[in-house]
Amino acid sequence: MTTMNKDEIADGVCEIVGELIGKEPSHIDRTGSLIEQGLDSLEVTELVCQIEDRFGIRFEQTVVWDNDSIDRLSDTIFTQFNQ
């Protein structure tokens, strides 16, 4: 498994979120609530699936709800990815 830094992970998560909510990644607030930016519960499920596929990690949807921003979610993914 290749080591990734937090910025690379955040970029990947931002791309996925952008696809799901129909925004360019550059127009997504990485510190703002994903829900307030338009992600709904079905898209959270898809987000988890795509993150698991992209980064090869497994986690529950509650991780997204508990880390409701790209920066916070990326920190959590970084920790799991680099264990």
C-alpha atoms as a PDB file:
ATOM      1  CA  MET A   1       0.000   0.000   0.000  1.00  0.00           C
ATOM      2  CA  THR A   2       1.326   3.435  -0.942  1.00  0.00           C
ATOM      3  CA  THR A   3       1.588   6.040   1.794  1.00  0.00           C
ATOM      4  CA  MET A   4      -0.494   9.145   1.190  1.00  0.00           C
ATOM      5  CA  ASN A   5      -0.310  12.469   2.971  1.00  0.00           C
ATOM      6  CA  LYS A   6      -3.336  14.312   4.342  1.00  0.00           C
ATOM      7  CA  ASP A   7      -3.488  16.727   1.404  1.00  0.00           C
ATOM      8  CA  GLU A   8      -3.618  13.879  -1.115  1.00  0.00           C
ATOM      9  CA  ILE A   9      -6.364  12.197   0.863  1.00  0.00           C
ATOM     10  CA  ALA A  10      -8.295  15.472   1.203  1.00  0.00           C
ATOM     11  CA  ASP A  11      -7.977  16.039  -2.557  1.00  0.00           C
ATOM     12  CA  GLY A  12      -9.372  12.558  -3.216  1.00  0.00           C
ATOM     13  CA  VAL A  13     -12.266  13.006  -0.801  1.00  0.00           C
ATOM     14  CA  CYS A  14     -12.986  16.428  -2.284  1.00  0.00           C
ATOM     15  CA  GLU A  15     -13.149  14.926  -5.792  1.00  0.00           C
ATOM     16  CA  ILE A  16     -15.602  12.258  -4.625  1.00  0.00           C
ATOM     17  CA  VAL A  17     -17.786  14.778  -2.789  1.00  0.00           C
ATOM     18  CA  GLY A  18     -17.724  17.074  -5.822  1.00  0.00           C
ATOM     19  CA  GLU A  19     -18.971  14.289  -8.058  1.00  0.00           C
ATOM     20  CA  LEU A  20     -21.731  13.421  -5.611  1.00  0.00           C
ATOM     21  CA  ILE A  21     -23.064  16.954  -5.134  1.00  0.00           C
ATOM     22  CA  GLY A  22     -22.302  18.272  -8.612  1.00  0.00           C
ATOM     23  CA  LYS A  23     -19.668  20.858  -7.674  1.00  0.00           C
ATOM     24  CA  GLU A  24     -16.127  21.439  -8.803  1.00  0.00           C
ATOM     25  CA  PRO A  25     -13.719  20.381  -6.047  1.00  0.00           C
ATOM     26  CA  SER A  26     -12.302  23.911  -5.976  1.00  0.00           C
ATOM     27  CA  HIS A  27     -15.760  25.226  -4.978  1.00  0.00           C
ATOM     28  CA  ILE A  28     -16.122  22.941  -1.956  1.00  0.00           C
ATOM     29  CA  ASP A  29     -15.385  24.277   1.527  1.00  0.00           C
ATOM     30  CA  ARG A  30     -13.041  21.709   3.080  1.00  0.00           C
ATOM     31  CA  THR A  31     -13.769  22.936   6.591  1.00  0.00           C
ATOM     32  CA  GLY A  32     -17.543  23.267   6.198  1.00  0.00           C
ATOM     33  CA  SER A  33     -20.226  20.718   6.949  1.00  0.00           C
ATOM     34  CA  LEU A  34     -20.688  18.195   4.149  1.00  0.00           C
ATOM     35  CA  ILE A  35     -24.397  18.083   4.898  1.00  0.00           C
ATOM     36  CA  GLU A  36     -24.750  21.867   4.696  1.00  0.00           C
ATOM     37  CA  GLN A  37     -22.952  21.742   1.341  1.00  0.00           C
ATOM     38  CA  GLY A  38     -25.605  19.414  -0.044  1.00  0.00           C
ATOM     39  CA  LEU A  39     -24.613  15.833   0.806  1.00  0.00           C
ATOM     40  CA  ASP A  40     -27.669  13.776   1.761  1.00  0.00           C
ATOM     41  CA  SER A  41     -27.886  10.423   3.540  1.00  0.00           C
ATOM     42  CA  LEU A  42     -27.861   8.379   0.321  1.00  0.00           C
ATOM     43  CA  GLU A  43     -24.814  10.268  -0.882  1.00  0.00           C
ATOM     44  CA  VAL A  44     -23.094   9.611   2.453  1.00  0.00           C
ATOM     45  CA  THR A  45     -23.545   5.892   1.770  1.00  0.00           C
ATOM     46  CA  GLU A  46     -22.023   6.330  -1.681  1.00  0.00           C
ATOM     47  CA  LEU A  47     -19.232   8.481  -0.256  1.00  0.00           C
ATOM     48  CA  VAL A  48     -18.283   5.722   2.191  1.00  0.00           C
ATOM     49  CA  CYS A  49     -18.288   3.107  -0.591  1.00  0.00           C
ATOM     50  CA  GLN A  50     -16.126   5.239  -2.861  1.00  0.00           C
ATOM     51  CA  ILE A  51     -13.682   6.113  -0.069  1.00  0.00           C
ATOM     52  CA  GLU A  52     -13.394   2.436   0.856  1.00  0.00           C
ATOM     53  CA  ASP A  53     -12.686   1.542  -2.779  1.00  0.00           C
ATOM     54  CA  ARG A  54     -10.262   4.380  -3.372  1.00  0.00           C
ATOM     55  CA  PHE A  55      -8.235   4.088  -0.180  1.00  0.00           C
ATOM     56  CA  GLY A  56      -8.682   0.399   0.628  1.00  0.00           C
ATOM     57  CA  ILE A  57      -9.987   0.987   4.139  1.00  0.00           C
ATOM     58  CA  ARG A  58     -13.245   0.049   5.835  1.00  0.00           C
ATOM     59  CA  PHE A  59     -15.300   2.239   8.131  1.00  0.00           C
ATOM     60  CA  GLU A  60     -18.870   2.883   9.195  1.00  0.00           C
ATOM     61  CA  GLN A  61     -21.061   5.711   7.907  1.00  0.00           C
ATOM     62  CA  THR A  62     -21.040   7.156  11.403  1.00  0.00           C
ATOM     63  CA  VAL A  63     -17.448   8.216  10.735  1.00  0.00           C
ATOM     64  CA  VAL A  64     -18.773  10.687   8.146  1.00  0.00           C
ATOM     65  CA  TRP A  65     -21.438  12.018  10.516  1.00  0.00           C
ATOM     66  CA  ASP A  66     -18.874  12.337  13.326  1.00  0.00           C
ATOM     67  CA  ASN A  67     -16.310  14.015  11.018  1.00  0.00           C
ATOM     68  CA  ASP A  68     -18.616  16.228   8.964  1.00  0.00           C
ATOM     69  CA  SER A  69     -16.039  18.112   6.918  1.00  0.00           C
ATOM     70  CA  ILE A  70     -13.506  17.086   4.326  1.00  0.00           C
ATOM     71  CA  ASP A  71     -10.612  18.121   6.565  1.00  0.00           C
ATOM     72  CA  ARG A  72     -11.858  16.178   9.600  1.00  0.00           C
ATOM     73  CA  LEU A  73     -12.826  13.154   7.517  1.00  0.00           C
ATOM     74  CA  SER A  74      -9.442  13.217   5.746  1.00  0.00           C
ATOM     75  CA  ASP A  75      -7.642  13.262   9.105  1.00  0.00           C
ATOM     76  CA  THR A  76      -9.556  10.144  10.136  1.00  0.00           C
ATOM     77  CA  ILE A  77      -8.863   8.420   6.814  1.00  0.00           C
ATOM     78  CA  PHE A  78      -5.177   9.372   7.063  1.00  0.00           C
ATOM     79  CA  THR A  79      -4.960   7.748  10.488  1.00  0.00           C
ATOM     80  CA  GLN A  80      -6.631   4.528   9.295  1.00  0.00           C
ATOM     81  CA  PHE A  81      -4.800   4.462   5.964  1.00  0.00           C
ATOM     82  CA  ASN A  82      -1.377   4.746   7.573  1.00  0.00           C
ATOM     83  CA  GLN A  83      -1.851   2.178  10.384  1.00  0.00           C
END
